[in-house]
PDB file of N, CA and C in Angstrom:
ATOM      1  N   MET A   1     -65.948 208.200 189.102  1.00  0.00           N
ATOM      2  CA  MET A   1     -65.575 208.291 190.500  1.00  0.00           C
ATOM      3  C   MET A   1     -66.795 208.752 191.300  1.00  0.00           C
ATOM      4  N   TYR A   2     -66.988 208.164 192.461  1.00  0.00           N
ATOM      5  CA  TYR A   2     -68.095 208.526 193.334  1.00  0.00           C
ATOM      6  C   TYR A   2     -67.726 209.731 194.184  1.00  0.00           C
ATOM      7  N   SER A   3     -68.705 210.569 194.471  1.00  0.00           N
ATOM      8  CA  SER A   3     -68.473 211.694 195.368  1.00  0.00           C
ATOM      9  C   SER A   3     -68.415 211.170 196.807  1.00  0.00           C
ATOM     10  N   LYS A   4     -67.797 211.952 197.653  1.00  0.00           N
ATOM     11  CA  LYS A   4     -67.729 211.573 199.068  1.00  0.00           C
ATOM     12  C   LYS A   4     -69.122 211.465 199.677  1.00  0.00           C
ATOM     13  N   GLU A   5     -70.019 212.334 199.236  1.00  0.00           N
ATOM     14  CA  GLU A   5     -71.383 212.313 199.763  1.00  0.00           C
ATOM     15  C   GLU A   5     -72.096 211.020 199.399  1.00  0.00           C
ATOM     16  N   LEU A   6     -71.925 210.568 198.151  1.00  0.00           N
ATOM     17  CA  LEU A   6     -72.556 209.329 197.719  1.00  0.00           C
ATOM     18  C   LEU A   6     -71.981 208.135 198.473  1.00  0.00           C
ATOM     19  N   ILE A   7     -70.684 208.119 198.637  1.00  0.00           N
ATOM     20  CA  ILE A   7     -70.052 207.028 199.392  1.00  0.00           C
ATOM     21  C   ILE A   7     -70.566 207.020 200.826  1.00  0.00           C
ATOM     22  N   LYS A   8     -70.649 208.194 201.437  1.00  0.00           N
ATOM     23  CA  LYS A   8     -71.149 208.287 202.810  1.00  0.00           C
ATOM     24  C   LYS A   8     -72.582 207.764 202.900  1.00  0.00           C
ATOM     25  N   MET A   9     -73.422 208.134 201.933  1.00  0.00           N
ATOM     26  CA  MET A   9     -74.811 207.663 201.924  1.00  0.00           C
ATOM     27  C   MET A   9     -74.876 206.147 201.802  1.00  0.00           C
ATOM     28  N   LYS A  10     -74.040 205.573 200.948  1.00  0.00           N
ATOM     29  CA  LYS A  10     -74.032 204.124 200.762  1.00  0.00           C
ATOM     30  C   LYS A  10     -73.585 203.411 202.043  1.00  0.00           C
ATOM     31  N   VAL A  11     -72.558 203.941 202.684  1.00  0.00           N
ATOM     32  CA  VAL A  11     -72.063 203.340 203.927  1.00  0.00           C
ATOM     33  C   VAL A  11     -73.137 203.417 205.013  1.00  0.00           C
ATOM     34  N   GLU A  12     -73.763 204.573 205.151  1.00  0.00           N
ATOM     35  CA  GLU A  12     -74.806 204.727 206.168  1.00  0.00           C
ATOM     36  C   GLU A  12     -75.993 203.806 205.896  1.00  0.00           C
ATOM     37  N   ASP A  13     -76.362 203.650 204.622  1.00  0.00           N
ATOM     38  CA  ASP A  13     -77.445 202.739 204.266  1.00  0.00           C
ATOM     39  C   ASP A  13     -77.089 201.304 204.633  1.00  0.00           C
ATOM     40  N   GLU A  14     -75.867 200.914 204.351  1.00  0.00           N
ATOM     41  CA  GLU A  14     -75.434 199.554 204.671  1.00  0.00           C
ATOM     42  C   GLU A  14     -75.432 199.318 206.179  1.00  0.00           C
ATOM     43  N   LEU A  15     -75.011 200.305 206.939  1.00  0.00           N
ATOM     44  CA  LEU A  15     -75.035 200.181 208.403  1.00  0.00           C
ATOM     45  C   LEU A  15     -76.470 200.052 208.915  1.00  0.00           C
ATOM     46  N   ARG A  16     -77.399 200.801 208.324  1.00  0.00           N
ATOM     47  CA  ARG A  16     -78.808 200.689 208.722  1.00  0.00           C
ATOM     48  C   ARG A  16     -79.329 199.275 208.444  1.00  0.00           C
ATOM     49  N   LYS A  17     -79.003 198.740 207.288  1.00  0.00           N
ATOM     50  CA  LYS A  17     -79.451 197.382 206.944  1.00  0.00           C
ATOM     51  C   LYS A  17     -78.872 196.355 207.907  1.00  0.00           C
ATOM     52  N   THR A  18     -77.590 196.487 208.206  1.00  0.00           N
ATOM     53  CA  THR A  18     -76.937 195.553 209.122  1.00  0.00           C
ATOM     54  C   THR A  18     -77.558 195.644 210.505  1.00  0.00           C
ATOM     55  N   ASN A  19     -77.795 196.870 210.971  1.00  0.00           N
ATOM     56  CA  ASN A  19     -78.410 197.055 212.284  1.00  0.00           C
ATOM     57  C   ASN A  19     -79.832 196.515 212.317  1.00  0.00           C
ATOM     58  N   ALA A  20     -80.578 196.689 211.238  1.00  0.00           N
ATOM     59  CA  ALA A  20     -81.949 196.167 211.177  1.00  0.00           C
ATOM     60  C   ALA A  20     -81.948 194.646 211.244  1.00  0.00           C
ATOM     61  N   LEU A  21     -81.011 194.017 210.543  1.00  0.00           N
ATOM     62  CA  LEU A  21     -80.911 192.550 210.616  1.00  0.00           C
ATOM     63  C   LEU A  21     -80.733 192.093 212.055  1.00  0.00           C
ATOM     64  N   ALA A  22     -79.836 192.751 212.757  1.00  0.00           N
ATOM     65  CA  ALA A  22     -79.554 192.358 214.136  1.00  0.00           C
ATOM     66  C   ALA A  22     -80.727 192.684 215.059  1.00  0.00           C
ATOM     67  N   TYR A  23     -81.282 193.870 214.938  1.00  0.00           N
ATOM     68  CA  TYR A  23     -82.318 194.326 215.865  1.00  0.00           C
ATOM     69  C   TYR A  23     -83.657 193.624 215.635  1.00  0.00           C
ATOM     70  N   TYR A  24     -84.118 193.590 214.408  1.00  0.00           N
ATOM     71  CA  TYR A  24     -85.453 193.063 214.132  1.00  0.00           C
ATOM     72  C   TYR A  24     -85.492 191.548 213.925  1.00  0.00           C
ATOM     73  N   TRP A  25     -84.443 191.001 213.357  1.00  0.00           N
ATOM     74  CA  TRP A  25     -84.469 189.570 213.032  1.00  0.00           C
ATOM     75  C   TRP A  25     -83.427 188.749 213.779  1.00  0.00           C
ATOM     76  N   GLY A  26     -82.644 189.399 214.625  1.00  0.00           N
ATOM     77  CA  GLY A  26     -81.653 188.680 215.416  1.00  0.00           C
ATOM     78  C   GLY A  26     -80.584 187.995 214.584  1.00  0.00           C
ATOM     79  N   LYS A  27     -80.305 188.533 213.403  1.00  0.00           N
ATOM     80  CA  LYS A  27     -79.293 187.947 212.519  1.00  0.00           C
ATOM     81  C   LYS A  27     -78.043 188.823 212.519  1.00  0.00           C
ATOM     82  N   GLU A  28     -76.957 188.244 212.945  1.00  0.00           N
ATOM     83  CA  GLU A  28     -75.673 188.943 212.946  1.00  0.00           C
ATOM     84  C   GLU A  28     -74.827 188.420 211.782  1.00  0.00           C
ATOM     85  N   ILE A  29     -74.060 189.285 211.184  1.00  0.00           N
ATOM     86  CA  ILE A  29     -73.111 188.867 210.152  1.00  0.00           C
ATOM     87  C   ILE A  29     -71.779 188.666 210.848  1.00  0.00           C
ATOM     88  N   THR A  30     -71.285 187.443 210.797  1.00  0.00           N
ATOM     89  CA  THR A  30     -70.064 187.090 211.509  1.00  0.00           C
ATOM     90  C   THR A  30     -68.837 187.241 210.603  1.00  0.00           C
ATOM     91  N   PRO A  31     -67.664 187.346 211.215  1.00  0.00           N
ATOM     92  CA  PRO A  31     -66.442 187.379 210.413  1.00  0.00           C
ATOM     93  C   PRO A  31     -66.294 186.138 209.526  1.00  0.00           C
ATOM     94  N   ASP A  32     -66.716 184.986 210.027  1.00  0.00           N
ATOM     95  CA  ASP A  32     -66.634 183.762 209.224  1.00  0.00           C
ATOM     96  C   ASP A  32     -67.528 183.854 207.990  1.00  0.00           C
ATOM     97  N   GLN A  33     -68.715 184.415 208.151  1.00  0.00           N
ATOM     98  CA  GLN A  33     -69.613 184.583 207.007  1.00  0.00           C
ATOM     99  C   GLN A  33     -69.012 185.535 205.976  1.00  0.00           C
ATOM    100  N   LEU A  34     -68.390 186.599 206.456  1.00  0.00           N
ATOM    101  CA  LEU A  34     -67.745 187.540 205.538  1.00  0.00           C
ATOM    102  C   LEU A  34     -66.620 186.847 204.769  1.00  0.00           C
ATOM    103  N   GLN A  35     -65.823 186.055 205.471  1.00  0.00           N
ATOM    104  CA  GLN A  35     -64.732 185.344 204.807  1.00  0.00           C
ATOM    105  C   GLN A  35     -65.261 184.352 203.776  1.00  0.00           C
ATOM    106  N   LEU A  36     -66.300 183.625 204.140  1.00  0.00           N
ATOM    107  CA  LEU A  36     -66.894 182.677 203.193  1.00  0.00           C
ATOM    108  C   LEU A  36     -67.434 183.386 201.954  1.00  0.00           C
ATOM    109  N   GLU A  37     -68.018 184.557 202.142  1.00  0.00           N
ATOM    110  CA  GLU A  37     -68.536 185.314 201.003  1.00  0.00           C
ATOM    111  C   GLU A  37     -67.394 185.804 200.111  1.00  0.00           C
ATOM    112  N   MET A  38     -66.312 186.264 200.709  1.00  0.00           N
ATOM    113  CA  MET A  38     -65.156 186.687 199.906  1.00  0.00           C
ATOM    114  C   MET A  38     -64.585 185.504 199.132  1.00  0.00           C
ATOM    115  N   ASN A  39     -64.523 184.344 199.770  1.00  0.00           N
ATOM    116  CA  ASN A  39     -64.041 183.134 199.096  1.00  0.00           C
ATOM    117  C   ASN A  39     -64.956 182.765 197.934  1.00  0.00           C
ATOM    118  N   ARG A  40     -66.281 182.860 198.163  1.00  0.00           N
ATOM    119  CA  ARG A  40     -67.236 182.548 197.109  1.00  0.00           C
ATOM    120  C   ARG A  40     -67.068 183.493 195.927  1.00  0.00           C
ATOM    121  N   MET A  41     -66.901 184.770 196.228  1.00  0.00           N
ATOM    122  CA  MET A  41     -66.705 185.756 195.162  1.00  0.00           C
ATOM    123  C   MET A  41     -65.454 185.435 194.342  1.00  0.00           C
ATOM    124  N   ALA A  42     -64.378 185.134 195.029  1.00  0.00           N
ATOM    125  CA  ALA A  42     -63.130 184.831 194.329  1.00  0.00           C
ATOM    126  C   ALA A  42     -63.263 183.561 193.482  1.00  0.00           C
ATOM    127  N   ARG A  43     -63.925 182.574 194.013  1.00  0.00           N
ATOM    128  CA  ARG A  43     -64.076 181.287 193.338  1.00  0.00           C
ATOM    129  C   ARG A  43     -65.048 181.361 192.153  1.00  0.00           C
ATOM    130  N   ASN A  44     -66.133 182.104 192.294  1.00  0.00           N
ATOM    131  CA  ASN A  44     -67.211 182.071 191.308  1.00  0.00           C
ATOM    132  C   ASN A  44     -67.322 183.321 190.451  1.00  0.00           C
ATOM    133  N   SER A  45     -66.380 184.221 190.544  1.00  0.00           N
ATOM    134  CA  SER A  45     -66.472 185.464 189.787  1.00  0.00           C
ATOM    135  C   SER A  45     -66.545 185.198 188.290  1.00  0.00           C
ATOM    136  N   LYS A  46     -67.489 185.880 187.639  1.00  0.00           N
ATOM    137  CA  LYS A  46     -67.597 185.786 186.185  1.00  0.00           C
ATOM    138  C   LYS A  46     -66.630 186.747 185.509  1.00  0.00           C
ATOM    139  N   ASN A  47     -66.065 187.658 186.302  1.00  0.00           N
ATOM    140  CA  ASN A  47     -65.108 188.614 185.776  1.00  0.00           C
ATOM    141  C   ASN A  47     -63.961 188.771 186.780  1.00  0.00           C
ATOM    142  N   PRO A  48     -63.087 187.765 186.863  1.00  0.00           N
ATOM    143  CA  PRO A  48     -62.007 187.802 187.854  1.00  0.00           C
ATOM    144  C   PRO A  48     -61.094 189.018 187.712  1.00  0.00           C
ATOM    145  N   LYS A  49     -60.904 189.487 186.469  1.00  0.00           N
ATOM    146  CA  LYS A  49     -60.041 190.650 186.261  1.00  0.00           C
ATOM    147  C   LYS A  49     -60.630 191.882 186.944  1.00  0.00           C
ATOM    148  N   LEU A  50     -61.930 192.098 186.781  1.00  0.00           N
ATOM    149  CA  LEU A  50     -62.587 193.234 187.426  1.00  0.00           C
ATOM    150  C   LEU A  50     -62.560 193.087 188.945  1.00  0.00           C
ATOM    151  N   LEU A  51     -62.827 191.886 189.430  1.00  0.00           N
ATOM    152  CA  LEU A  51     -62.788 191.652 190.874  1.00  0.00           C
ATOM    153  C   LEU A  51     -61.397 191.975 191.424  1.00  0.00           C
ATOM    154  N   LYS A  52     -60.368 191.561 190.704  1.00  0.00           N
ATOM    155  CA  LYS A  52     -59.001 191.850 191.149  1.00  0.00           C
ATOM    156  C   LYS A  52     -58.743 193.357 191.166  1.00  0.00           C
ATOM    157  N   GLU A  53     -59.258 194.073 190.173  1.00  0.00           N
ATOM    158  CA  GLU A  53     -59.103 195.534 190.137  1.00  0.00           C
ATOM    159  C   GLU A  53     -59.775 196.185 191.337  1.00  0.00           C
ATOM    160  N   VAL A  54     -60.972 195.713 191.661  1.00  0.00           N
ATOM    161  CA  VAL A  54     -61.698 196.273 192.811  1.00  0.00           C
ATOM    162  C   VAL A  54     -60.931 195.984 194.096  1.00  0.00           C
ATOM    163  N   TRP A  55     -60.473 194.749 194.239  1.00  0.00           N
ATOM    164  CA  TRP A  55     -59.720 194.395 195.442  1.00  0.00           C
ATOM    165  C   TRP A  55     -58.427 195.201 195.522  1.00  0.00           C
ATOM    166  N   ASN A  56     -57.772 195.415 194.384  1.00  0.00           N
ATOM    167  CA  ASN A  56     -56.558 196.243 194.373  1.00  0.00           C
ATOM    168  C   ASN A  56     -56.877 197.669 194.799  1.00  0.00           C
ATOM    169  N   ALA A  57     -58.021 198.192 194.348  1.00  0.00           N
ATOM    170  CA  ALA A  57     -58.429 199.548 194.739  1.00  0.00           C
ATOM    171  C   ALA A  57     -58.634 199.636 196.252  1.00  0.00           C
ATOM    172  N   LEU A  58     -58.978 198.519 196.854  1.00  0.00           N
ATOM    173  CA  LEU A  58     -59.139 198.456 198.321  1.00  0.00           C
ATOM    174  C   LEU A  58     -57.850 197.999 198.992  1.00  0.00           C
ATOM    175  N   GLN A  59     -56.740 198.101 198.251  1.00  0.00           N
ATOM    176  CA  GLN A  59     -55.394 197.794 198.746  1.00  0.00           C
ATOM    177  C   GLN A  59     -55.255 196.358 199.226  1.00  0.00           C
ATOM    178  N   ASN A  60     -56.089 195.470 198.676  1.00  0.00           N
ATOM    179  CA  ASN A  60     -56.081 194.052 199.055  1.00  0.00           C
ATOM    180  C   ASN A  60     -56.184 193.847 200.566  1.00  0.00           C
ATOM    181  N   ASP A  61     -56.834 194.803 201.216  1.00  0.00           N
ATOM    182  CA  ASP A  61     -57.031 194.743 202.664  1.00  0.00           C
ATOM    183  C   ASP A  61     -58.276 193.893 202.938  1.00  0.00           C
ATOM    184  N   PRO A  62     -58.107 192.717 203.562  1.00  0.00           N
ATOM    185  CA  PRO A  62     -59.256 191.834 203.788  1.00  0.00           C
ATOM    186  C   PRO A  62     -60.398 192.492 204.556  1.00  0.00           C
ATOM    187  N   ARG A  63     -60.073 193.357 205.496  1.00  0.00           N
ATOM    188  CA  ARG A  63     -61.111 194.030 206.270  1.00  0.00           C
ATOM    189  C   ARG A  63     -61.913 194.982 205.385  1.00  0.00           C
ATOM    190  N   LEU A  64     -61.220 195.750 204.561  1.00  0.00           N
ATOM    191  CA  LEU A  64     -61.912 196.660 203.652  1.00  0.00           C
ATOM    192  C   LEU A  64     -62.755 195.897 202.630  1.00  0.00           C
ATOM    193  N   ILE A  65     -62.192 194.834 202.087  1.00  0.00           N
ATOM    194  CA  ILE A  65     -62.922 194.022 201.112  1.00  0.00           C
ATOM    195  C   ILE A  65     -64.175 193.440 201.765  1.00  0.00           C
ATOM    196  N   ALA A  66     -64.020 192.934 202.970  1.00  0.00           N
ATOM    197  CA  ALA A  66     -65.164 192.342 203.672  1.00  0.00           C
ATOM    198  C   ALA A  66     -66.259 193.376 203.904  1.00  0.00           C
ATOM    199  N   GLU A  67     -65.874 194.551 204.359  1.00  0.00           N
ATOM    200  CA  GLU A  67     -66.870 195.570 204.705  1.00  0.00           C
ATOM    201  C   GLU A  67     -67.462 196.257 203.478  1.00  0.00           C
ATOM    202  N   CYS A  68     -66.653 196.472 202.451  1.00  0.00           N
ATOM    203  CA  CYS A  68     -67.123 197.219 201.277  1.00  0.00           C
ATOM    204  C   CYS A  68     -67.810 196.352 200.232  1.00  0.00           C
ATOM    205  N   ILE A  69     -67.433 195.092 200.165  1.00  0.00           N
ATOM    206  CA  ILE A  69     -67.974 194.239 199.107  1.00  0.00           C
ATOM    207  C   ILE A  69     -68.786 193.073 199.663  1.00  0.00           C
ATOM    208  N   ALA A  70     -68.224 192.332 200.597  1.00  0.00           N
ATOM    209  CA  ALA A  70     -68.904 191.133 201.085  1.00  0.00           C
ATOM    210  C   ALA A  70     -70.110 191.463 201.967  1.00  0.00           C
ATOM    211  N   ARG A  71     -69.969 192.435 202.870  1.00  0.00           N
ATOM    212  CA  ARG A  71     -71.080 192.756 203.780  1.00  0.00           C
ATOM    213  C   ARG A  71     -72.347 193.173 203.024  1.00  0.00           C
ATOM    214  N   PRO A  72     -72.257 194.068 202.028  1.00  0.00           N
ATOM    215  CA  PRO A  72     -73.487 194.423 201.313  1.00  0.00           C
ATOM    216  C   PRO A  72     -74.165 193.231 200.641  1.00  0.00           C
ATOM    217  N   VAL A  73     -73.377 192.322 200.094  1.00  0.00           N
ATOM    218  CA  VAL A  73     -73.952 191.139 199.445  1.00  0.00           C
ATOM    219  C   VAL A  73     -74.652 190.265 200.482  1.00  0.00           C
ATOM    220  N   LEU A  74     -73.982 190.023 201.596  1.00  0.00           N
ATOM    221  CA  LEU A  74     -74.579 189.195 202.655  1.00  0.00           C
ATOM    222  C   LEU A  74     -75.828 189.846 203.239  1.00  0.00           C
ATOM    223  N   THR A  75     -75.769 191.146 203.453  1.00  0.00           N
ATOM    224  CA  THR A  75     -76.929 191.851 204.005  1.00  0.00           C
ATOM    225  C   THR A  75     -78.130 191.686 203.084  1.00  0.00           C
ATOM    226  N   ASP A  76     -77.908 191.867 201.794  1.00  0.00           N
ATOM    227  CA  ASP A  76     -79.010 191.697 200.840  1.00  0.00           C
ATOM    228  C   ASP A  76     -79.517 190.262 200.822  1.00  0.00           C
ATOM    229  N   LYS A  77     -78.613 189.289 200.871  1.00  0.00           N
ATOM    230  CA  LYS A  77     -79.037 187.877 200.889  1.00  0.00           C
ATOM    231  C   LYS A  77     -79.865 187.579 202.136  1.00  0.00           C
ATOM    232  N   MET A  78     -79.427 188.092 203.273  1.00  0.00           N
ATOM    233  CA  MET A  78     -80.123 187.814 204.520  1.00  0.00           C
ATOM    234  C   MET A  78     -81.452 188.569 204.611  1.00  0.00           C
ATOM    235  N   ASN A  79     -81.578 189.635 203.842  1.00  0.00           N
ATOM    236  CA  ASN A  79     -82.832 190.385 203.784  1.00  0.00           C
ATOM    237  C   ASN A  79     -83.753 189.825 202.701  1.00  0.00           C
ATOM    238  N   GLY A  80     -83.300 188.790 202.015  1.00  0.00           N
ATOM    239  CA  GLY A  80     -84.120 188.159 200.999  1.00  0.00           C
ATOM    240  C   GLY A  80     -84.156 188.886 199.676  1.00  0.00           C
ATOM    241  N   ARG A  81     -83.132 189.645 199.383  1.00  0.00           N
ATOM    242  CA  ARG A  81     -83.084 190.378 198.106  1.00  0.00           C
ATOM    243  C   ARG A  81     -82.332 189.617 197.062  1.00  0.00           C
TER     244      ARG A  81
END
């Protein structure tokens, strides 16, 4: 289990990355992009059981899944990582 401090640090780091994309490179992550990334994850998962467990932990809330899982992946892709 992650500590609240670690989770807070991860969230703040992700917000910094997202803001940097928008500010320095003019790249915004849209709701459509988040949805497409969630669809890609569901379609191409090498471990669907684990993905389902993670999504269940997020109460199958599309907004939470998008922000906690899809946004970090998209941010890294758009940053060239």
